[in-house]
């Protein structure tokens, strides 16, 4: 299995070539006023985990959303479901771990570590 990390944020921030981490690029974009978009997204197959920044009085908080998309065989349209197969659950565990790591990096950067 191959996990794809959407690099939209890295390429917008720094061209994706200067060695910055995805979390660093995500934080830069969030600070640029793009809070309507996730700061990081991890996707494999139809399973997608997105990390969202929520600024607060006591500092930034991060939450995640999980989506599972599939293509309907009859209509050919893409749809979302809240159901996960056993294989999807394994993918979700992997992507959740990556999201957890990204959130840790974002929190460290916001504390100036």
PDB file of N, CA and C in Angstrom:
ATOM      1  N   UNK A   1       0.837  -1.192   0.000  1.00  0.00           N
ATOM      2  CA  UNK A   1       0.000   0.000   0.000  1.00  0.00           C
ATOM      3  C   UNK A   1       0.875   1.246   0.000  1.00  0.00           C
ATOM      4  N   UNK A   2       0.406   2.252  -0.674  1.00  0.00           N
ATOM      5  CA  UNK A   2       1.164   3.497  -0.719  1.00  0.00           C
ATOM      6  C   UNK A   2       0.312   4.610  -0.148  1.00  0.00           C
ATOM      7  N   UNK A   3       0.856   5.345   0.788  1.00  0.00           N
ATOM      8  CA  UNK A   3       0.148   6.461   1.391  1.00  0.00           C
ATOM      9  C   UNK A   3       0.545   7.728   0.674  1.00  0.00           C
ATOM     10  N   UNK A   4      -0.443   8.523   0.323  1.00  0.00           N
ATOM     11  CA  UNK A   4      -0.180   9.789  -0.334  1.00  0.00           C
ATOM     12  C   UNK A   4      -0.488  10.917   0.625  1.00  0.00           C
ATOM     13  N   UNK A   5       0.480  11.763   0.864  1.00  0.00           N
ATOM     14  CA  UNK A   5       0.260  12.968   1.657  1.00  0.00           C
ATOM     15  C   UNK A   5       0.054  14.079   0.653  1.00  0.00           C
ATOM     16  N   UNK A   6      -1.090  14.724   0.734  1.00  0.00           N
ATOM     17  CA  UNK A   6      -1.362  15.800  -0.201  1.00  0.00           C
ATOM     18  C   UNK A   6      -0.388  16.928   0.056  1.00  0.00           C
ATOM     19  N   UNK A   7       0.358  17.300  -0.956  1.00  0.00           N
ATOM     20  CA  UNK A   7       1.426  18.281  -0.804  1.00  0.00           C
ATOM     21  C   UNK A   7       0.999  19.672  -1.225  1.00  0.00           C
ATOM     22  N   UNK A   8      -0.278  19.899  -1.337  1.00  0.00           N
ATOM     23  CA  UNK A   8      -0.794  21.209  -1.749  1.00  0.00           C
ATOM     24  C   UNK A   8      -0.201  22.310  -0.885  1.00  0.00           C
ATOM     25  N   UNK A   9      -0.165  22.111   0.417  1.00  0.00           N
ATOM     26  CA  UNK A   9       0.310  23.146   1.318  1.00  0.00           C
ATOM     27  C   UNK A   9       1.802  23.377   1.168  1.00  0.00           C
ATOM     28  N   UNK A  10       2.573  22.331   0.975  1.00  0.00           N
ATOM     29  CA  UNK A  10       4.015  22.478   0.839  1.00  0.00           C
ATOM     30  C   UNK A  10       4.345  23.248  -0.428  1.00  0.00           C
ATOM     31  N   UNK A  11       3.715  22.914  -1.540  1.00  0.00           N
ATOM     32  CA  UNK A  11       4.052  23.572  -2.792  1.00  0.00           C
ATOM     33  C   UNK A  11       3.588  25.019  -2.802  1.00  0.00           C
ATOM     34  N   UNK A  12       2.490  25.343  -2.133  1.00  0.00           N
ATOM     35  CA  UNK A  12       2.043  26.730  -2.075  1.00  0.00           C
ATOM     36  C   UNK A  12       2.980  27.565  -1.217  1.00  0.00           C
ATOM     37  N   UNK A  13       3.485  26.984  -0.151  1.00  0.00           N
ATOM     38  CA  UNK A  13       4.273  27.744   0.804  1.00  0.00           C
ATOM     39  C   UNK A  13       5.712  27.939   0.345  1.00  0.00           C
ATOM     40  N   UNK A  14       6.357  26.837  -0.119  1.00  0.00           N
ATOM     41  CA  UNK A  14       7.787  26.950  -0.374  1.00  0.00           C
ATOM     42  C   UNK A  14       8.243  26.207  -1.614  1.00  0.00           C
ATOM     43  N   UNK A  15       7.348  25.884  -2.486  1.00  0.00           N
ATOM     44  CA  UNK A  15       7.735  25.169  -3.689  1.00  0.00           C
ATOM     45  C   UNK A  15       7.990  23.696  -3.455  1.00  0.00           C
ATOM     46  N   UNK A  16       7.908  23.258  -2.194  1.00  0.00           N
ATOM     47  CA  UNK A  16       8.068  21.850  -1.874  1.00  0.00           C
ATOM     48  C   UNK A  16       9.494  21.344  -1.970  1.00  0.00           C
ATOM     49  N   UNK A  17      10.485  22.222  -2.126  1.00  0.00           N
ATOM     50  CA  UNK A  17      11.834  21.746  -2.380  1.00  0.00           C
ATOM     51  C   UNK A  17      12.863  22.128  -1.333  1.00  0.00           C
ATOM     52  N   UNK A  18      12.505  22.866  -0.301  1.00  0.00           N
ATOM     53  CA  UNK A  18      13.561  23.333   0.610  1.00  0.00           C
ATOM     54  C   UNK A  18      13.720  22.484   1.856  1.00  0.00           C
ATOM     55  N   UNK A  19      13.107  21.309   1.912  1.00  0.00           N
ATOM     56  CA  UNK A  19      13.305  20.409   3.021  1.00  0.00           C
ATOM     57  C   UNK A  19      12.417  20.666   4.215  1.00  0.00           C
ATOM     58  N   UNK A  20      11.524  21.628   4.176  1.00  0.00           N
ATOM     59  CA  UNK A  20      10.626  21.876   5.297  1.00  0.00           C
ATOM     60  C   UNK A  20       9.662  20.707   5.447  1.00  0.00           C
ATOM     61  N   UNK A  21       9.241  20.454   6.661  1.00  0.00           N
ATOM     62  CA  UNK A  21       8.278  19.384   6.880  1.00  0.00           C
ATOM     63  C   UNK A  21       6.899  19.830   6.435  1.00  0.00           C
ATOM     64  N   UNK A  22       6.038  18.866   6.192  1.00  0.00           N
ATOM     65  CA  UNK A  22       4.663  19.179   5.812  1.00  0.00           C
ATOM     66  C   UNK A  22       3.984  19.977   6.912  1.00  0.00           C
ATOM     67  N   UNK A  23       4.261  19.637   8.158  1.00  0.00           N
ATOM     68  CA  UNK A  23       3.632  20.358   9.265  1.00  0.00           C
ATOM     69  C   UNK A  23       4.075  21.812   9.295  1.00  0.00           C
ATOM     70  N   UNK A  24       5.357  22.078   9.016  1.00  0.00           N
ATOM     71  CA  UNK A  24       5.842  23.458   9.012  1.00  0.00           C
ATOM     72  C   UNK A  24       5.170  24.246   7.905  1.00  0.00           C
ATOM     73  N   UNK A  25       5.060  23.649   6.739  1.00  0.00           N
ATOM     74  CA  UNK A  25       4.396  24.326   5.629  1.00  0.00           C
ATOM     75  C   UNK A  25       2.926  24.534   5.938  1.00  0.00           C
ATOM     76  N   UNK A  26       2.314  23.567   6.583  1.00  0.00           N
ATOM     77  CA  UNK A  26       0.904  23.693   6.940  1.00  0.00           C
ATOM     78  C   UNK A  26       0.695  24.845   7.908  1.00  0.00           C
ATOM     79  N   UNK A  27       1.596  24.977   8.887  1.00  0.00           N
ATOM     80  CA  UNK A  27       1.462  26.067   9.849  1.00  0.00           C
ATOM     81  C   UNK A  27       1.639  27.410   9.156  1.00  0.00           C
ATOM     82  N   UNK A  28       2.599  27.514   8.250  1.00  0.00           N
ATOM     83  CA  UNK A  28       2.796  28.763   7.514  1.00  0.00           C
ATOM     84  C   UNK A  28       1.541  29.149   6.758  1.00  0.00           C
ATOM     85  N   UNK A  29       0.914  28.184   6.102  1.00  0.00           N
ATOM     86  CA  UNK A  29      -0.308  28.471   5.350  1.00  0.00           C
ATOM     87  C   UNK A  29      -1.447  28.876   6.270  1.00  0.00           C
ATOM     88  N   UNK A  30      -1.567  28.217   7.405  1.00  0.00           N
ATOM     89  CA  UNK A  30      -2.636  28.560   8.337  1.00  0.00           C
ATOM     90  C   UNK A  30      -2.464  29.988   8.825  1.00  0.00           C
ATOM     91  N   UNK A  31      -1.219  30.372   9.094  1.00  0.00           N
ATOM     92  CA  UNK A  31      -0.957  31.725   9.557  1.00  0.00           C
ATOM     93  C   UNK A  31      -1.178  32.747   8.454  1.00  0.00           C
ATOM     94  N   UNK A  32      -1.159  32.310   7.211  1.00  0.00           N
ATOM     95  CA  UNK A  32      -1.389  33.216   6.085  1.00  0.00           C
ATOM     96  C   UNK A  32      -2.878  33.478   5.881  1.00  0.00           C
ATOM     97  N   UNK A  33      -3.703  32.992   6.786  1.00  0.00           N
ATOM     98  CA  UNK A  33      -5.132  33.279   6.713  1.00  0.00           C
ATOM     99  C   UNK A  33      -5.940  32.272   5.935  1.00  0.00           C
ATOM    100  N   UNK A  34      -5.444  31.073   5.812  1.00  0.00           N
ATOM    101  CA  UNK A  34      -6.170  30.042   5.061  1.00  0.00           C
ATOM    102  C   UNK A  34      -6.780  29.024   6.009  1.00  0.00           C
ATOM    103  N   UNK A  35      -7.356  29.492   7.100  1.00  0.00           N
ATOM    104  CA  UNK A  35      -7.890  28.593   8.115  1.00  0.00           C
ATOM    105  C   UNK A  35      -9.151  27.861   7.668  1.00  0.00           C
ATOM    106  N   UNK A  36      -9.704  28.215   6.528  1.00  0.00           N
ATOM    107  CA  UNK A  36     -10.884  27.524   6.030  1.00  0.00           C
ATOM    108  C   UNK A  36     -10.513  26.177   5.413  1.00  0.00           C
ATOM    109  N   UNK A  37      -9.237  25.904   5.293  1.00  0.00           N
ATOM    110  CA  UNK A  37      -8.756  24.647   4.730  1.00  0.00           C
ATOM    111  C   UNK A  37      -7.999  23.881   5.798  1.00  0.00           C
ATOM    112  N   UNK A  38      -7.937  22.557   5.643  1.00  0.00           N
ATOM    113  CA  UNK A  38      -7.148  21.799   6.620  1.00  0.00           C
ATOM    114  C   UNK A  38      -5.671  22.175   6.525  1.00  0.00           C
ATOM    115  N   UNK A  39      -4.973  22.080   7.648  1.00  0.00           N
ATOM    116  CA  UNK A  39      -3.542  22.382   7.657  1.00  0.00           C
ATOM    117  C   UNK A  39      -2.726  21.189   7.174  1.00  0.00           C
ATOM    118  N   UNK A  40      -3.315  20.012   7.187  1.00  0.00           N
ATOM    119  CA  UNK A  40      -2.656  18.809   6.661  1.00  0.00           C
ATOM    120  C   UNK A  40      -3.733  17.801   6.285  1.00  0.00           C
ATOM    121  N   UNK A  41      -3.477  17.048   5.233  1.00  0.00           N
ATOM    122  CA  UNK A  41      -4.407  16.012   4.790  1.00  0.00           C
ATOM    123  C   UNK A  41      -3.611  14.773   4.421  1.00  0.00           C
ATOM    124  N   UNK A  42      -4.069  13.627   4.898  1.00  0.00           N
ATOM    125  CA  UNK A  42      -3.434  12.342   4.628  1.00  0.00           C
ATOM    126  C   UNK A  42      -4.470  11.459   3.955  1.00  0.00           C
ATOM    127  N   UNK A  43      -4.104  10.853   2.807  1.00  0.00           N
ATOM    128  CA  UNK A  43      -5.086  10.097   2.028  1.00  0.00           C
ATOM    129  C   UNK A  43      -4.473   8.823   1.482  1.00  0.00           C
ATOM    130  N   UNK A  44      -5.261   7.772   1.527  1.00  0.00           N
ATOM    131  CA  UNK A  44      -4.904   6.504   0.880  1.00  0.00           C
ATOM    132  C   UNK A  44      -6.190   5.870   0.400  1.00  0.00           C
ATOM    133  N   UNK A  45      -6.255   5.614  -0.884  1.00  0.00           N
ATOM    134  CA  UNK A  45      -7.494   5.083  -1.448  1.00  0.00           C
ATOM    135  C   UNK A  45      -8.619   6.069  -1.202  1.00  0.00           C
ATOM    136  N   UNK A  46      -9.742   5.586  -0.703  1.00  0.00           N
ATOM    137  CA  UNK A  46     -10.875   6.458  -0.423  1.00  0.00           C
ATOM    138  C   UNK A  46     -10.875   7.049   0.976  1.00  0.00           C
ATOM    139  N   UNK A  47      -9.922   6.646   1.818  1.00  0.00           N
ATOM    140  CA  UNK A  47      -9.875   7.114   3.208  1.00  0.00           C
ATOM    141  C   UNK A  47      -9.009   8.371   3.294  1.00  0.00           C
ATOM    142  N   UNK A  48      -9.546   9.383   3.954  1.00  0.00           N
ATOM    143  CA  UNK A  48      -8.843  10.662   4.084  1.00  0.00           C
ATOM    144  C   UNK A  48      -8.982  11.177   5.506  1.00  0.00           C
ATOM    145  N   UNK A  49      -7.849  11.590   6.097  1.00  0.00           N
ATOM    146  CA  UNK A  49      -7.832  12.197   7.423  1.00  0.00           C
ATOM    147  C   UNK A  49      -7.280  13.612   7.264  1.00  0.00           C
ATOM    148  N   UNK A  50      -8.051  14.608   7.696  1.00  0.00           N
ATOM    149  CA  UNK A  50      -7.635  16.007   7.594  1.00  0.00           C
ATOM    150  C   UNK A  50      -7.460  16.589   8.988  1.00  0.00           C
ATOM    151  N   UNK A  51      -6.456  17.449   9.126  1.00  0.00           N
ATOM    152  CA  UNK A  51      -6.156  18.122  10.392  1.00  0.00           C
ATOM    153  C   UNK A  51      -6.542  19.587  10.243  1.00  0.00           C
ATOM    154  N   UNK A  52      -7.289  20.088  11.218  1.00  0.00           N
ATOM    155  CA  UNK A  52      -7.793  21.463  11.197  1.00  0.00           C
ATOM    156  C   UNK A  52      -7.249  22.229  12.385  1.00  0.00           C
ATOM    157  N   UNK A  53      -6.845  23.470  12.145  1.00  0.00           N
ATOM    158  CA  UNK A  53      -6.346  24.344  13.201  1.00  0.00           C
ATOM    159  C   UNK A  53      -7.501  25.190  13.732  1.00  0.00           C
ATOM    160  N   UNK A  54      -7.619  25.234  15.044  1.00  0.00           N
ATOM    161  CA  UNK A  54      -8.641  26.044  15.701  1.00  0.00           C
ATOM    162  C   UNK A  54      -7.964  26.959  16.717  1.00  0.00           C
ATOM    163  N   UNK A  55      -7.724  28.237  16.333  1.00  0.00           N
ATOM    164  CA  UNK A  55      -7.077  29.159  17.263  1.00  0.00           C
ATOM    165  C   UNK A  55      -7.963  29.409  18.489  1.00  0.00           C
ATOM    166  N   UNK A  56      -7.336  29.510  19.649  1.00  0.00           N
ATOM    167  CA  UNK A  56      -8.071  29.779  20.876  1.00  0.00           C
ATOM    168  C   UNK A  56      -7.294  30.718  21.775  1.00  0.00           C
ATOM    169  N   UNK A  57      -7.938  31.158  22.830  1.00  0.00           N
ATOM    170  CA  UNK A  57      -7.291  32.088  23.767  1.00  0.00           C
ATOM    171  C   UNK A  57      -6.076  31.465  24.447  1.00  0.00           C
ATOM    172  N   UNK A  58      -6.106  30.158  24.670  1.00  0.00           N
ATOM    173  CA  UNK A  58      -5.004  29.473  25.343  1.00  0.00           C
ATOM    174  C   UNK A  58      -4.051  28.821  24.361  1.00  0.00           C
ATOM    175  N   UNK A  59      -4.161  29.172  23.099  1.00  0.00           N
ATOM    176  CA  UNK A  59      -3.285  28.589  22.082  1.00  0.00           C
ATOM    177  C   UNK A  59      -4.085  27.826  21.039  1.00  0.00           C
ATOM    178  N   UNK A  60      -3.377  27.340  20.054  1.00  0.00           N
ATOM    179  CA  UNK A  60      -4.022  26.619  18.962  1.00  0.00           C
ATOM    180  C   UNK A  60      -4.399  25.210  19.386  1.00  0.00           C
ATOM    181  N   UNK A  61      -5.559  24.788  18.921  1.00  0.00           N
ATOM    182  CA  UNK A  61      -6.025  23.417  19.113  1.00  0.00           C
ATOM    183  C   UNK A  61      -6.127  22.792  17.728  1.00  0.00           C
ATOM    184  N   UNK A  62      -5.981  21.498  17.652  1.00  0.00           N
ATOM    185  CA  UNK A  62      -6.068  20.796  16.376  1.00  0.00           C
ATOM    186  C   UNK A  62      -7.081  19.668  16.487  1.00  0.00           C
ATOM    187  N   UNK A  63      -7.933  19.557  15.478  1.00  0.00           N
ATOM    188  CA  UNK A  63      -8.928  18.500  15.397  1.00  0.00           C
ATOM    189  C   UNK A  63      -8.793  17.802  14.057  1.00  0.00           C
ATOM    190  N   UNK A  64      -9.394  16.644  13.949  1.00  0.00           N
ATOM    191  CA  UNK A  64      -9.335  15.894  12.699  1.00  0.00           C
ATOM    192  C   UNK A  64     -10.733  15.550  12.208  1.00  0.00           C
ATOM    193  N   UNK A  65     -10.837  15.393  10.910  1.00  0.00           N
ATOM    194  CA  UNK A  65     -12.044  14.841  10.300  1.00  0.00           C
ATOM    195  C   UNK A  65     -11.622  13.639   9.477  1.00  0.00           C
ATOM    196  N   UNK A  66     -12.519  12.674   9.379  1.00  0.00           N
ATOM    197  CA  UNK A  66     -12.254  11.437   8.644  1.00  0.00           C
ATOM    198  C   UNK A  66     -13.326  11.272   7.586  1.00  0.00           C
ATOM    199  N   UNK A  67     -12.897  10.990   6.359  1.00  0.00           N
ATOM    200  CA  UNK A  67     -13.839  10.753   5.259  1.00  0.00           C
ATOM    201  C   UNK A  67     -13.514   9.428   4.596  1.00  0.00           C
ATOM    202  N   UNK A  68     -14.544   8.770   4.134  1.00  0.00           N
ATOM    203  CA  UNK A  68     -14.367   7.553   3.350  1.00  0.00           C
ATOM    204  C   UNK A  68     -15.211   7.709   2.098  1.00  0.00           C
ATOM    205  N   UNK A  69     -14.569   7.794   0.950  1.00  0.00           N
ATOM    206  CA  UNK A  69     -15.263   8.012  -0.317  1.00  0.00           C
ATOM    207  C   UNK A  69     -15.197   6.755  -1.175  1.00  0.00           C
ATOM    208  N   UNK A  70     -16.190   6.591  -2.016  1.00  0.00           N
ATOM    209  CA  UNK A  70     -16.213   5.475  -2.953  1.00  0.00           C
ATOM    210  C   UNK A  70     -16.962   5.909  -4.214  1.00  0.00           C
ATOM    211  N   UNK A  71     -16.683   5.226  -5.302  1.00  0.00           N
ATOM    212  CA  UNK A  71     -17.363   5.511  -6.557  1.00  0.00           C
ATOM    213  C   UNK A  71     -18.514   4.526  -6.715  1.00  0.00           C
ATOM    214  N   UNK A  72     -19.729   5.064  -6.830  1.00  0.00           N
ATOM    215  CA  UNK A  72     -20.921   4.250  -7.003  1.00  0.00           C
ATOM    216  C   UNK A  72     -20.865   3.562  -8.367  1.00  0.00           C
ATOM    217  N   UNK A  73     -20.963   2.223  -8.358  1.00  0.00           N
ATOM    218  CA  UNK A  73     -20.860   1.459  -9.603  1.00  0.00           C
ATOM    219  C   UNK A  73     -21.984   1.780 -10.588  1.00  0.00           C
ATOM    220  N   UNK A  74     -23.169   2.041 -10.082  1.00  0.00           N
ATOM    221  CA  UNK A  74     -24.316   2.300 -10.969  1.00  0.00           C
ATOM    222  C   UNK A  74     -24.297   3.699 -11.559  1.00  0.00           C
ATOM    223  N   UNK A  75     -24.093   4.707 -10.720  1.00  0.00           N
ATOM    224  CA  UNK A  75     -24.187   6.088 -11.201  1.00  0.00           C
ATOM    225  C   UNK A  75     -22.833   6.642 -11.657  1.00  0.00           C
ATOM    226  N   UNK A  76     -21.738   6.043 -11.194  1.00  0.00           N
ATOM    227  CA  UNK A  76     -20.418   6.553 -11.527  1.00  0.00           C
ATOM    228  C   UNK A  76     -20.031   7.768 -10.701  1.00  0.00           C
ATOM    229  N   UNK A  77     -20.887   8.172  -9.773  1.00  0.00           N
ATOM    230  CA  UNK A  77     -20.619   9.341  -8.931  1.00  0.00           C
ATOM    231  C   UNK A  77     -19.829   8.947  -7.689  1.00  0.00           C
ATOM    232  N   UNK A  78     -19.035   9.913  -7.199  1.00  0.00           N
ATOM    233  CA  UNK A  78     -18.327   9.715  -5.951  1.00  0.00           C
ATOM    234  C   UNK A  78     -19.258  10.035  -4.788  1.00  0.00           C
ATOM    235  N   UNK A  79     -19.250   9.165  -3.783  1.00  0.00           N
ATOM    236  CA  UNK A  79     -20.104   9.336  -2.605  1.00  0.00           C
ATOM    237  C   UNK A  79     -19.262   9.117  -1.361  1.00  0.00           C
ATOM    238  N   UNK A  80     -19.787   9.572  -0.221  1.00  0.00           N
ATOM    239  CA  UNK A  80     -19.123   9.366   1.061  1.00  0.00           C
ATOM    240  C   UNK A  80     -19.943   8.416   1.914  1.00  0.00           C
ATOM    241  N   UNK A  81     -19.261   7.688   2.768  1.00  0.00           N
ATOM    242  CA  UNK A  81     -19.915   6.764   3.681  1.00  0.00           C
ATOM    243  C   UNK A  81     -19.259   6.862   5.054  1.00  0.00           C
ATOM    244  N   UNK A  82     -20.002   6.482   6.074  1.00  0.00           N
ATOM    245  CA  UNK A  82     -19.440   6.438   7.421  1.00  0.00           C
ATOM    246  C   UNK A  82     -19.035   5.010   7.788  1.00  0.00           C
ATOM    247  N   UNK A  83     -19.114   4.096   6.828  1.00  0.00           N
ATOM    248  CA  UNK A  83     -18.728   2.701   7.049  1.00  0.00           C
ATOM    249  C   UNK A  83     -17.293   2.458   6.603  1.00  0.00           C
ATOM    250  N   UNK A  84     -16.606   1.565   7.325  1.00  0.00           N
ATOM    251  CA  UNK A  84     -15.234   1.228   6.999  1.00  0.00           C
ATOM    252  C   UNK A  84     -15.081  -0.286   6.983  1.00  0.00           C
ATOM    253  N   UNK A  85     -14.477  -0.821   5.930  1.00  0.00           N
ATOM    254  CA  UNK A  85     -14.173  -2.248   5.859  1.00  0.00           C
ATOM    255  C   UNK A  85     -12.984  -2.546   6.768  1.00  0.00           C
ATOM    256  N   UNK A  86     -12.699  -3.824   7.016  1.00  0.00           N
ATOM    257  CA  UNK A  86     -11.506  -4.136   7.809  1.00  0.00           C
ATOM    258  C   UNK A  86     -10.225  -3.554   7.193  1.00  0.00           C
ATOM    259  N   UNK A  87     -10.110  -3.577   5.875  1.00  0.00           N
ATOM    260  CA  UNK A  87      -8.945  -2.987   5.214  1.00  0.00           C
ATOM    261  C   UNK A  87      -8.918  -1.481   5.427  1.00  0.00           C
ATOM    262  N   UNK A  88     -10.103  -0.846   5.315  1.00  0.00           N
ATOM    263  CA  UNK A  88     -10.186   0.599   5.557  1.00  0.00           C
ATOM    264  C   UNK A  88      -9.739   0.940   6.972  1.00  0.00           C
ATOM    265  N   UNK A  89     -10.079   0.086   7.935  1.00  0.00           N
ATOM    266  CA  UNK A  89      -9.691   0.345   9.323  1.00  0.00           C
ATOM    267  C   UNK A  89      -8.174   0.331   9.491  1.00  0.00           C
ATOM    268  N   UNK A  90      -7.499  -0.584   8.795  1.00  0.00           N
ATOM    269  CA  UNK A  90      -6.035  -0.620   8.858  1.00  0.00           C
ATOM    270  C   UNK A  90      -5.446   0.660   8.261  1.00  0.00           C
ATOM    271  N   UNK A  91      -6.012   1.105   7.149  1.00  0.00           N
ATOM    272  CA  UNK A  91      -5.562   2.349   6.517  1.00  0.00           C
ATOM    273  C   UNK A  91      -5.836   3.521   7.451  1.00  0.00           C
ATOM    274  N   UNK A  92      -7.018   3.537   8.043  1.00  0.00           N
ATOM    275  CA  UNK A  92      -7.387   4.618   8.960  1.00  0.00           C
ATOM    276  C   UNK A  92      -6.422   4.689  10.143  1.00  0.00           C
ATOM    277  N   UNK A  93      -6.013   3.546  10.656  1.00  0.00           N
ATOM    278  CA  UNK A  93      -5.052   3.524  11.767  1.00  0.00           C
ATOM    279  C   UNK A  93      -3.724   4.149  11.336  1.00  0.00           C
ATOM    280  N   UNK A  94      -3.266   3.814  10.142  1.00  0.00           N
ATOM    281  CA  UNK A  94      -1.996   4.352   9.643  1.00  0.00           C
ATOM    282  C   UNK A  94      -2.107   5.859   9.435  1.00  0.00           C
ATOM    283  N   UNK A  95      -3.164   6.305   8.786  1.00  0.00           N
ATOM    284  CA  UNK A  95      -3.338   7.729   8.516  1.00  0.00           C
ATOM    285  C   UNK A  95      -3.551   8.519   9.798  1.00  0.00           C
ATOM    286  N   UNK A  96      -4.244   7.934  10.758  1.00  0.00           N
ATOM    287  CA  UNK A  96      -4.445   8.600  12.046  1.00  0.00           C
ATOM    288  C   UNK A  96      -3.114   8.797  12.761  1.00  0.00           C
ATOM    289  N   UNK A  97      -2.234   7.818  12.663  1.00  0.00           N
ATOM    290  CA  UNK A  97      -0.902   7.954  13.252  1.00  0.00           C
ATOM    291  C   UNK A  97      -0.118   9.084  12.613  1.00  0.00           C
ATOM    292  N   UNK A  98      -0.237   9.220  11.297  1.00  0.00           N
ATOM    293  CA  UNK A  98       0.449  10.302  10.600  1.00  0.00           C
ATOM    294  C   UNK A  98      -0.139  11.655  11.001  1.00  0.00           C
ATOM    295  N   UNK A  99      -1.445  11.710  11.148  1.00  0.00           N
ATOM    296  CA  UNK A  99      -2.091  12.956  11.576  1.00  0.00           C
ATOM    297  C   UNK A  99      -1.652  13.310  12.994  1.00  0.00           C
ATOM    298  N   UNK A 100      -1.578  12.322  13.862  1.00  0.00           N
ATOM    299  CA  UNK A 100      -1.136  12.535  15.238  1.00  0.00           C
ATOM    300  C   UNK A 100       0.279  13.112  15.264  1.00  0.00           C
ATOM    301  N   UNK A 101       1.166  12.564  14.444  1.00  0.00           N
ATOM    302  CA  UNK A 101       2.544  13.051  14.370  1.00  0.00           C
ATOM    303  C   UNK A 101       2.581  14.491  13.854  1.00  0.00           C
ATOM    304  N   UNK A 102       1.781  14.796  12.827  1.00  0.00           N
ATOM    305  CA  UNK A 102       1.744  16.157  12.275  1.00  0.00           C
ATOM    306  C   UNK A 102       1.242  17.153  13.317  1.00  0.00           C
ATOM    307  N   UNK A 103       0.236  16.750  14.086  1.00  0.00           N
ATOM    308  CA  UNK A 103      -0.291  17.635  15.132  1.00  0.00           C
ATOM    309  C   UNK A 103       0.787  17.899  16.178  1.00  0.00           C
ATOM    310  N   UNK A 104       1.540  16.885  16.541  1.00  0.00           N
ATOM    311  CA  UNK A 104       2.644  17.058  17.481  1.00  0.00           C
ATOM    312  C   UNK A 104       3.671  18.049  16.973  1.00  0.00           C
ATOM    313  N   UNK A 105       4.019  17.957  15.681  1.00  0.00           N
ATOM    314  CA  UNK A 105       4.965  18.898  15.084  1.00  0.00           C
ATOM    315  C   UNK A 105       4.395  20.319  15.089  1.00  0.00           C
ATOM    316  N   UNK A 106       3.136  20.446  14.743  1.00  0.00           N
ATOM    317  CA  UNK A 106       2.500  21.775  14.721  1.00  0.00           C
ATOM    318  C   UNK A 106       2.479  22.396  16.102  1.00  0.00           C
ATOM    319  N   UNK A 107       2.157  21.603  17.114  1.00  0.00           N
ATOM    320  CA  UNK A 107       2.141  22.106  18.492  1.00  0.00           C
ATOM    321  C   UNK A 107       3.539  22.523  18.940  1.00  0.00           C
ATOM    322  N   UNK A 108       4.546  21.739  18.600  1.00  0.00           N
ATOM    323  CA  UNK A 108       5.922  22.090  18.950  1.00  0.00           C
ATOM    324  C   UNK A 108       6.345  23.391  18.307  1.00  0.00           C
ATOM    325  N   UNK A 109       5.972  23.579  17.039  1.00  0.00           N
ATOM    326  CA  UNK A 109       6.336  24.794  16.337  1.00  0.00           C
ATOM    327  C   UNK A 109       5.635  26.009  16.938  1.00  0.00           C
ATOM    328  N   UNK A 110       4.398  25.851  17.353  1.00  0.00           N
ATOM    329  CA  UNK A 110       3.663  26.982  17.917  1.00  0.00           C
ATOM    330  C   UNK A 110       4.219  27.368  19.290  1.00  0.00           C
ATOM    331  N   UNK A 111       4.855  26.421  19.975  1.00  0.00           N
ATOM    332  CA  UNK A 111       5.492  26.710  21.267  1.00  0.00           C
ATOM    333  C   UNK A 111       6.909  27.220  21.096  1.00  0.00           C
ATOM    334  N   UNK A 112       7.401  27.219  19.847  1.00  0.00           N
ATOM    335  CA  UNK A 112       8.739  27.716  19.586  1.00  0.00           C
ATOM    336  C   UNK A 112       9.825  26.716  19.895  1.00  0.00           C
ATOM    337  N   UNK A 113       9.490  25.426  19.945  1.00  0.00           N
ATOM    338  CA  UNK A 113      10.497  24.391  20.254  1.00  0.00           C
ATOM    339  C   UNK A 113      11.317  24.054  19.032  1.00  0.00           C
TER     340      UNK A 113
END
